Amino acid sequence: MNTKFPLHYSTHPIAYVRPVKASDLPDDIRQQLPGVTDLYAIHHEEGERLALVTDRTMAFVMARQNDLHPVSVH
Protein backbone atom coordinates (compact mmCIF):
# COMPACT_ATOMS: atom_id res chain seq x y z
CA MET A 1 0.00 0.00 0.00
CA ASN A 2 1.42 3.35 -1.01
CA THR A 3 -0.79 5.96 0.63
CA LYS A 4 0.41 9.55 0.61
CA PHE A 5 -0.25 11.78 3.60
CA PRO A 6 -0.10 15.55 3.41
CA LEU A 7 2.69 17.12 5.42
CA HIS A 8 1.79 20.25 7.34
CA TYR A 9 4.70 22.63 7.62
CA SER A 10 4.57 25.78 9.65
CA THR A 11 5.03 28.96 7.68
CA HIS A 12 6.79 30.46 10.69
CA PRO A 13 10.42 29.80 11.62
CA ILE A 14 10.94 27.61 14.69
CA ALA A 15 12.03 29.11 18.01
CA TYR A 16 13.58 26.77 20.55
CA VAL A 17 12.78 27.45 24.21
CA ARG A 18 15.09 25.88 26.75
CA PRO A 19 15.78 26.26 30.46
CA VAL A 20 19.02 27.97 31.46
CA LYS A 21 20.73 28.30 34.83
CA ALA A 22 21.76 31.87 35.60
CA SER A 23 25.08 30.50 36.87
CA ASP A 24 25.87 29.36 33.29
CA LEU A 25 25.58 32.89 31.90
CA PRO A 26 28.42 35.41 31.55
CA ASP A 27 29.15 37.65 34.55
CA ASP A 28 27.83 40.83 32.93
CA ILE A 29 24.42 39.23 32.37
CA ARG A 30 24.28 37.63 35.84
CA GLN A 31 24.90 41.06 37.42
CA GLN A 32 21.69 42.30 35.80
CA LEU A 33 19.69 39.42 37.34
CA PRO A 34 20.01 39.66 41.13
CA GLY A 35 18.19 36.80 42.84
CA VAL A 36 17.33 35.00 39.58
CA THR A 37 18.51 31.39 39.37
CA ASP A 38 16.51 29.94 36.47
CA LEU A 39 15.66 31.49 33.10
CA TYR A 40 14.41 30.44 29.70
CA ALA A 41 16.32 31.14 26.52
CA ILE A 42 14.64 31.65 23.17
CA HIS A 43 16.80 30.56 20.25
CA HIS A 44 16.28 31.00 16.51
CA GLU A 45 16.18 27.76 14.51
CA GLU A 46 19.77 28.43 13.45
CA GLY A 47 20.91 28.56 17.10
CA GLU A 48 21.20 32.30 17.72
CA ARG A 49 19.94 33.32 21.17
CA LEU A 50 17.19 35.89 20.75
CA ALA A 51 16.09 36.53 24.32
CA LEU A 52 16.24 35.49 27.97
CA VAL A 53 13.12 35.57 30.12
CA THR A 54 12.30 34.42 33.65
CA ASP A 55 9.07 32.60 32.80
CA ARG A 56 8.47 29.70 30.39
CA THR A 57 5.00 30.91 29.43
CA MET A 58 6.40 34.34 28.63
CA ALA A 59 9.04 32.72 26.40
CA PHE A 60 6.33 31.01 24.33
CA VAL A 61 4.21 34.17 24.17
CA MET A 62 7.21 36.28 23.13
CA ALA A 63 8.12 33.82 20.38
CA ARG A 64 4.57 33.79 19.01
CA GLN A 65 4.34 37.59 19.12
CA ASN A 66 7.39 37.66 16.87
CA ASP A 67 5.88 35.23 14.34
CA LEU A 68 7.96 32.26 15.50
CA HIS A 69 6.72 28.74 16.19
CA PRO A 70 8.04 27.86 19.70
CA VAL A 71 9.03 24.32 20.67
CA SER A 72 10.45 23.14 23.97
CA VAL A 73 13.99 21.78 24.23
CA HIS A 74 15.03 19.83 27.32
PDB file of N, CA and C in Angstrom:
ATOM      1  N   MET A   1       0.850  -1.174   0.000  1.00  0.00           N
ATOM      2  CA  MET A   1       0.000   0.000   0.000  1.00  0.00           C
ATOM      3  C   MET A   1       0.895   1.237   0.000  1.00  0.00           C
ATOM      4  N   ASN A   2       0.607   2.144  -0.866  1.00  0.00           N
ATOM      5  CA  ASN A   2       1.416   3.345  -1.006  1.00  0.00           C
ATOM      6  C   ASN A   2       0.519   4.569  -0.860  1.00  0.00           C
ATOM      7  N   THR A   3       0.107   4.839   0.360  1.00  0.00           N
ATOM      8  CA  THR A   3      -0.795   5.956   0.626  1.00  0.00           C
ATOM      9  C   THR A   3       0.011   7.202   0.970  1.00  0.00           C
ATOM     10  N   LYS A   4      -0.290   8.296   0.327  1.00  0.00           N
ATOM     11  CA  LYS A   4       0.406   9.552   0.605  1.00  0.00           C
ATOM     12  C   LYS A   4      -0.383  10.354   1.630  1.00  0.00           C
ATOM     13  N   PHE A   5       0.342  10.940   2.576  1.00  0.00           N
ATOM     14  CA  PHE A   5      -0.252  11.779   3.598  1.00  0.00           C
ATOM     15  C   PHE A   5       0.276  13.190   3.428  1.00  0.00           C
ATOM     16  N   PRO A   6      -0.593  14.179   3.536  1.00  0.00           N
ATOM     17  CA  PRO A   6      -0.103  15.554   3.409  1.00  0.00           C
ATOM     18  C   PRO A   6       0.753  15.935   4.609  1.00  0.00           C
ATOM     19  N   LEU A   7       1.832  16.622   4.350  1.00  0.00           N
ATOM     20  CA  LEU A   7       2.690  17.123   5.418  1.00  0.00           C
ATOM     21  C   LEU A   7       2.317  18.574   5.690  1.00  0.00           C
ATOM     22  N   HIS A   8       2.164  18.893   6.950  1.00  0.00           N
ATOM     23  CA  HIS A   8       1.794  20.254   7.337  1.00  0.00           C
ATOM     24  C   HIS A   8       3.013  20.956   7.918  1.00  0.00           C
ATOM     25  N   TYR A   9       3.549  21.867   7.166  1.00  0.00           N
ATOM     26  CA  TYR A   9       4.698  22.627   7.617  1.00  0.00           C
ATOM     27  C   TYR A   9       4.242  23.992   8.094  1.00  0.00           C
ATOM     28  N   SER A  10       4.858  24.445   9.145  1.00  0.00           N
ATOM     29  CA  SER A  10       4.574  25.777   9.650  1.00  0.00           C
ATOM     30  C   SER A  10       5.179  26.799   8.699  1.00  0.00           C
ATOM     31  N   THR A  11       4.476  27.887   8.508  1.00  0.00           N
ATOM     32  CA  THR A  11       5.026  28.960   7.677  1.00  0.00           C
ATOM     33  C   THR A  11       5.923  29.875   8.496  1.00  0.00           C
ATOM     34  N   HIS A  12       5.968  29.641   9.795  1.00  0.00           N
ATOM     35  CA  HIS A  12       6.790  30.461  10.688  1.00  0.00           C
ATOM     36  C   HIS A  12       8.078  29.713  11.044  1.00  0.00           C
ATOM     37  N   PRO A  13       9.178  30.443  11.175  1.00  0.00           N
ATOM     38  CA  PRO A  13      10.416  29.797  11.623  1.00  0.00           C
ATOM     39  C   PRO A  13      10.243  29.243  13.045  1.00  0.00           C
ATOM     40  N   ILE A  14      11.003  28.224  13.371  1.00  0.00           N
ATOM     41  CA  ILE A  14      10.940  27.614  14.689  1.00  0.00           C
ATOM     42  C   ILE A  14      11.775  28.421  15.678  1.00  0.00           C
ATOM     43  N   ALA A  15      11.275  28.529  16.904  1.00  0.00           N
ATOM     44  CA  ALA A  15      12.034  29.107  18.013  1.00  0.00           C
ATOM     45  C   ALA A  15      12.145  28.020  19.071  1.00  0.00           C
ATOM     46  N   TYR A  16      13.355  27.771  19.518  1.00  0.00           N
ATOM     47  CA  TYR A  16      13.580  26.769  20.550  1.00  0.00           C
ATOM     48  C   TYR A  16      13.605  27.446  21.913  1.00  0.00           C
ATOM     49  N   VAL A  17      12.837  26.917  22.857  1.00  0.00           N
ATOM     50  CA  VAL A  17      12.777  27.449  24.211  1.00  0.00           C
ATOM     51  C   VAL A  17      13.409  26.408  25.124  1.00  0.00           C
ATOM     52  N   ARG A  18      14.432  26.827  25.864  1.00  0.00           N
ATOM     53  CA  ARG A  18      15.094  25.879  26.752  1.00  0.00           C
ATOM     54  C   ARG A  18      15.429  26.520  28.086  1.00  0.00           C
ATOM     55  N   PRO A  19      15.413  25.720  29.154  1.00  0.00           N
ATOM     56  CA  PRO A  19      15.780  26.261  30.463  1.00  0.00           C
ATOM     57  C   PRO A  19      17.271  26.532  30.538  1.00  0.00           C
ATOM     58  N   VAL A  20      17.625  27.575  31.290  1.00  0.00           N
ATOM     59  CA  VAL A  20      19.017  27.974  31.456  1.00  0.00           C
ATOM     60  C   VAL A  20      19.237  28.331  32.919  1.00  0.00           C
ATOM     61  N   LYS A  21      20.337  27.897  33.484  1.00  0.00           N
ATOM     62  CA  LYS A  21      20.727  28.296  34.835  1.00  0.00           C
ATOM     63  C   LYS A  21      21.452  29.634  34.744  1.00  0.00           C
ATOM     64  N   ALA A  22      21.106  30.556  35.606  1.00  0.00           N
ATOM     65  CA  ALA A  22      21.761  31.868  35.605  1.00  0.00           C
ATOM     66  C   ALA A  22      23.263  31.717  35.830  1.00  0.00           C
ATOM     67  N   SER A  23      23.657  30.714  36.590  1.00  0.00           N
ATOM     68  CA  SER A  23      25.080  30.496  36.869  1.00  0.00           C
ATOM     69  C   SER A  23      25.874  30.130  35.617  1.00  0.00           C
ATOM     70  N   ASP A  24      25.200  29.698  34.548  1.00  0.00           N
ATOM     71  CA  ASP A  24      25.873  29.356  33.291  1.00  0.00           C
ATOM     72  C   ASP A  24      26.056  30.549  32.359  1.00  0.00           C
ATOM     73  N   LEU A  25      25.507  31.690  32.742  1.00  0.00           N
ATOM     74  CA  LEU A  25      25.580  32.885  31.896  1.00  0.00           C
ATOM     75  C   LEU A  25      26.831  33.703  32.218  1.00  0.00           C
ATOM     76  N   PRO A  26      27.265  34.546  31.291  1.00  0.00           N
ATOM     77  CA  PRO A  26      28.419  35.413  31.550  1.00  0.00           C
ATOM     78  C   PRO A  26      28.166  36.357  32.728  1.00  0.00           C
ATOM     79  N   ASP A  27      29.240  36.785  33.367  1.00  0.00           N
ATOM     80  CA  ASP A  27      29.152  37.652  34.555  1.00  0.00           C
ATOM     81  C   ASP A  27      28.336  38.909  34.316  1.00  0.00           C
ATOM     82  N   ASP A  28      28.526  39.564  33.176  1.00  0.00           N
ATOM     83  CA  ASP A  28      27.826  40.828  32.930  1.00  0.00           C
ATOM     84  C   ASP A  28      26.312  40.642  32.866  1.00  0.00           C
ATOM     85  N   ILE A  29      25.868  39.499  32.405  1.00  0.00           N
ATOM     86  CA  ILE A  29      24.419  39.230  32.368  1.00  0.00           C
ATOM     87  C   ILE A  29      23.921  38.860  33.760  1.00  0.00           C
ATOM     88  N   ARG A  30      24.689  38.026  34.484  1.00  0.00           N
ATOM     89  CA  ARG A  30      24.283  37.630  35.842  1.00  0.00           C
ATOM     90  C   ARG A  30      24.143  38.842  36.761  1.00  0.00           C
ATOM     91  N   GLN A  31      24.972  39.852  36.586  1.00  0.00           N
ATOM     92  CA  GLN A  31      24.899  41.056  37.422  1.00  0.00           C
ATOM     93  C   GLN A  31      23.587  41.803  37.224  1.00  0.00           C
ATOM     94  N   GLN A  32      22.959  41.639  36.083  1.00  0.00           N
ATOM     95  CA  GLN A  32      21.686  42.296  35.804  1.00  0.00           C
ATOM     96  C   GLN A  32      20.488  41.495  36.316  1.00  0.00           C
ATOM     97  N   LEU A  33      20.748  40.323  36.899  1.00  0.00           N
ATOM     98  CA  LEU A  33      19.688  39.421  37.337  1.00  0.00           C
ATOM     99  C   LEU A  33      19.826  39.044  38.812  1.00  0.00           C
ATOM    100  N   PRO A  34      19.835  40.013  39.718  1.00  0.00           N
ATOM    101  CA  PRO A  34      20.006  39.660  41.132  1.00  0.00           C
ATOM    102  C   PRO A  34      18.855  38.790  41.634  1.00  0.00           C
ATOM    103  N   GLY A  35      19.200  37.690  42.275  1.00  0.00           N
ATOM    104  CA  GLY A  35      18.192  36.801  42.839  1.00  0.00           C
ATOM    105  C   GLY A  35      17.568  35.824  41.861  1.00  0.00           C
ATOM    106  N   VAL A  36      17.898  35.914  40.589  1.00  0.00           N
ATOM    107  CA  VAL A  36      17.329  35.005  39.581  1.00  0.00           C
ATOM    108  C   VAL A  36      18.262  33.807  39.429  1.00  0.00           C
ATOM    109  N   THR A  37      17.695  32.603  39.520  1.00  0.00           N
ATOM    110  CA  THR A  37      18.510  31.393  39.370  1.00  0.00           C
ATOM    111  C   THR A  37      18.189  30.623  38.095  1.00  0.00           C
ATOM    112  N   ASP A  38      16.936  30.681  37.664  1.00  0.00           N
ATOM    113  CA  ASP A  38      16.505  29.942  36.468  1.00  0.00           C
ATOM    114  C   ASP A  38      15.856  30.878  35.461  1.00  0.00           C
ATOM    115  N   LEU A  39      16.212  30.688  34.196  1.00  0.00           N
ATOM    116  CA  LEU A  39      15.663  31.486  33.103  1.00  0.00           C
ATOM    117  C   LEU A  39      15.297  30.563  31.958  1.00  0.00           C
ATOM    118  N   TYR A  40      14.709  31.162  30.938  1.00  0.00           N
ATOM    119  CA  TYR A  40      14.410  30.439  29.702  1.00  0.00           C
ATOM    120  C   TYR A  40      14.988  31.225  28.542  1.00  0.00           C
ATOM    121  N   ALA A  41      15.721  30.527  27.695  1.00  0.00           N
ATOM    122  CA  ALA A  41      16.323  31.144  26.520  1.00  0.00           C
ATOM    123  C   ALA A  41      15.470  30.830  25.296  1.00  0.00           C
ATOM    124  N   ILE A  42      15.325  31.819  24.444  1.00  0.00           N
ATOM    125  CA  ILE A  42      14.637  31.646  23.167  1.00  0.00           C
ATOM    126  C   ILE A  42      15.707  31.709  22.086  1.00  0.00           C
ATOM    127  N   HIS A  43      15.794  30.643  21.309  1.00  0.00           N
ATOM    128  CA  HIS A  43      16.802  30.563  20.248  1.00  0.00           C
ATOM    129  C   HIS A  43      16.129  30.461  18.892  1.00  0.00           C
ATOM    130  N   HIS A  44      16.715  31.119  17.898  1.00  0.00           N
ATOM    131  CA  HIS A  44      16.277  31.000  16.506  1.00  0.00           C
ATOM    132  C   HIS A  44      16.610  29.587  16.040  1.00  0.00           C
ATOM    133  N   GLU A  45      15.953  29.124  15.004  1.00  0.00           N
ATOM    134  CA  GLU A  45      16.175  27.759  14.513  1.00  0.00           C
ATOM    135  C   GLU A  45      17.612  27.522  14.076  1.00  0.00           C
ATOM    136  N   GLU A  46      18.371  28.581  13.825  1.00  0.00           N
ATOM    137  CA  GLU A  46      19.774  28.426  13.450  1.00  0.00           C
ATOM    138  C   GLU A  46      20.702  28.486  14.659  1.00  0.00           C
ATOM    139  N   GLY A  47      20.121  28.618  15.874  1.00  0.00           N
ATOM    140  CA  GLY A  47      20.907  28.558  17.098  1.00  0.00           C
ATOM    141  C   GLY A  47      21.186  29.881  17.782  1.00  0.00           C
ATOM    142  N   GLU A  48      20.923  30.985  17.128  1.00  0.00           N
ATOM    143  CA  GLU A  48      21.200  32.297  17.718  1.00  0.00           C
ATOM    144  C   GLU A  48      20.242  32.568  18.877  1.00  0.00           C
ATOM    145  N   ARG A  49      20.801  32.986  20.037  1.00  0.00           N
ATOM    146  CA  ARG A  49      19.939  33.322  21.170  1.00  0.00           C
ATOM    147  C   ARG A  49      19.279  34.662  20.905  1.00  0.00           C
ATOM    148  N   LEU A  50      17.962  34.680  21.018  1.00  0.00           N
ATOM    149  CA  LEU A  50      17.191  35.886  20.751  1.00  0.00           C
ATOM    150  C   LEU A  50      16.816  36.625  22.023  1.00  0.00           C
ATOM    151  N   ALA A  51      16.548  35.882  23.093  1.00  0.00           N
ATOM    152  CA  ALA A  51      16.093  36.526  24.324  1.00  0.00           C
ATOM    153  C   ALA A  51      16.259  35.596  25.508  1.00  0.00           C
ATOM    154  N   LEU A  52      16.288  36.212  26.701  1.00  0.00           N
ATOM    155  CA  LEU A  52      16.245  35.495  27.970  1.00  0.00           C
ATOM    156  C   LEU A  52      15.067  36.037  28.755  1.00  0.00           C
ATOM    157  N   VAL A  53      14.250  35.152  29.307  1.00  0.00           N
ATOM    158  CA  VAL A  53      13.115  35.570  30.122  1.00  0.00           C
ATOM    159  C   VAL A  53      13.061  34.689  31.361  1.00  0.00           C
ATOM    160  N   THR A  54      12.354  35.149  32.387  1.00  0.00           N
ATOM    161  CA  THR A  54      12.305  34.415  33.648  1.00  0.00           C
ATOM    162  C   THR A  54      11.127  33.451  33.743  1.00  0.00           C
ATOM    163  N   ASP A  55      10.270  33.424  32.734  1.00  0.00           N
ATOM    164  CA  ASP A  55       9.068  32.604  32.795  1.00  0.00           C
ATOM    165  C   ASP A  55       8.892  31.836  31.492  1.00  0.00           C
ATOM    166  N   ARG A  56       8.618  30.535  31.580  1.00  0.00           N
ATOM    167  CA  ARG A  56       8.472  29.698  30.391  1.00  0.00           C
ATOM    168  C   ARG A  56       7.288  30.146  29.534  1.00  0.00           C
ATOM    169  N   THR A  57       6.175  30.453  30.174  1.00  0.00           N
ATOM    170  CA  THR A  57       5.000  30.905  29.426  1.00  0.00           C
ATOM    171  C   THR A  57       5.313  32.180  28.658  1.00  0.00           C
ATOM    172  N   MET A  58       6.028  33.083  29.308  1.00  0.00           N
ATOM    173  CA  MET A  58       6.401  34.337  28.633  1.00  0.00           C
ATOM    174  C   MET A  58       7.310  34.062  27.436  1.00  0.00           C
ATOM    175  N   ALA A  59       8.163  33.066  27.529  1.00  0.00           N
ATOM    176  CA  ALA A  59       9.036  32.720  26.404  1.00  0.00           C
ATOM    177  C   ALA A  59       8.214  32.283  25.192  1.00  0.00           C
ATOM    178  N   PHE A  60       7.182  31.461  25.431  1.00  0.00           N
ATOM    179  CA  PHE A  60       6.326  31.011  24.335  1.00  0.00           C
ATOM    180  C   PHE A  60       5.508  32.169  23.765  1.00  0.00           C
ATOM    181  N   VAL A  61       4.990  33.011  24.630  1.00  0.00           N
ATOM    182  CA  VAL A  61       4.211  34.170  24.172  1.00  0.00           C
ATOM    183  C   VAL A  61       5.092  35.101  23.344  1.00  0.00           C
ATOM    184  N   MET A  62       6.299  35.372  23.833  1.00  0.00           N
ATOM    185  CA  MET A  62       7.212  36.276  23.128  1.00  0.00           C
ATOM    186  C   MET A  62       7.569  35.724  21.747  1.00  0.00           C
ATOM    187  N   ALA A  63       7.799  34.424  21.671  1.00  0.00           N
ATOM    188  CA  ALA A  63       8.123  33.818  20.376  1.00  0.00           C
ATOM    189  C   ALA A  63       6.957  33.972  19.407  1.00  0.00           C
ATOM    190  N   ARG A  64       5.750  33.680  19.881  1.00  0.00           N
ATOM    191  CA  ARG A  64       4.570  33.791  19.008  1.00  0.00           C
ATOM    192  C   ARG A  64       4.312  35.234  18.579  1.00  0.00           C
ATOM    193  N   GLN A  65       4.547  36.179  19.480  1.00  0.00           N
ATOM    194  CA  GLN A  65       4.344  37.586  19.123  1.00  0.00           C
ATOM    195  C   GLN A  65       5.314  38.046  18.049  1.00  0.00           C
ATOM    196  N   ASN A  66       6.398  37.317  17.897  1.00  0.00           N
ATOM    197  CA  ASN A  66       7.388  37.655  16.873  1.00  0.00           C
ATOM    198  C   ASN A  66       7.329  36.699  15.688  1.00  0.00           C
ATOM    199  N   ASP A  67       6.139  36.104  15.484  1.00  0.00           N
ATOM    200  CA  ASP A  67       5.877  35.232  14.336  1.00  0.00           C
ATOM    201  C   ASP A  67       6.814  34.031  14.260  1.00  0.00           C
ATOM    202  N   LEU A  68       7.154  33.475  15.421  1.00  0.00           N
ATOM    203  CA  LEU A  68       7.959  32.263  15.495  1.00  0.00           C
ATOM    204  C   LEU A  68       7.095  31.138  16.042  1.00  0.00           C
ATOM    205  N   HIS A  69       7.435  29.921  15.699  1.00  0.00           N
ATOM    206  CA  HIS A  69       6.722  28.742  16.189  1.00  0.00           C
ATOM    207  C   HIS A  69       7.565  28.124  17.313  1.00  0.00           C
ATOM    208  N   PRO A  70       7.202  28.351  18.604  1.00  0.00           N
ATOM    209  CA  PRO A  70       8.041  27.860  19.699  1.00  0.00           C
ATOM    210  C   PRO A  70       7.881  26.374  19.956  1.00  0.00           C
ATOM    211  N   VAL A  71       9.011  25.721  20.247  1.00  0.00           N
ATOM    212  CA  VAL A  71       9.030  24.323  20.675  1.00  0.00           C
ATOM    213  C   VAL A  71       9.974  24.230  21.869  1.00  0.00           C
ATOM    214  N   SER A  72       9.670  23.304  22.756  1.00  0.00           N
ATOM    215  CA  SER A  72      10.452  23.137  23.966  1.00  0.00           C
ATOM    216  C   SER A  72      11.651  22.222  23.709  1.00  0.00           C
ATOM    217  N   VAL A  73      12.780  22.587  24.290  1.00  0.00           N
ATOM    218  CA  VAL A  73      13.993  21.779  24.230  1.00  0.00           C
ATOM    219  C   VAL A  73      14.399  21.473  25.654  1.00  0.00           C
ATOM    220  N   HIS A  74      14.660  20.211  25.948  1.00  0.00           N
ATOM    221  CA  HIS A  74      15.030  19.828  27.320  1.00  0.00           C
ATOM    222  C   HIS A  74      16.511  19.668  27.443  1.00  0.00           C
TER     223      HIS A  74
END
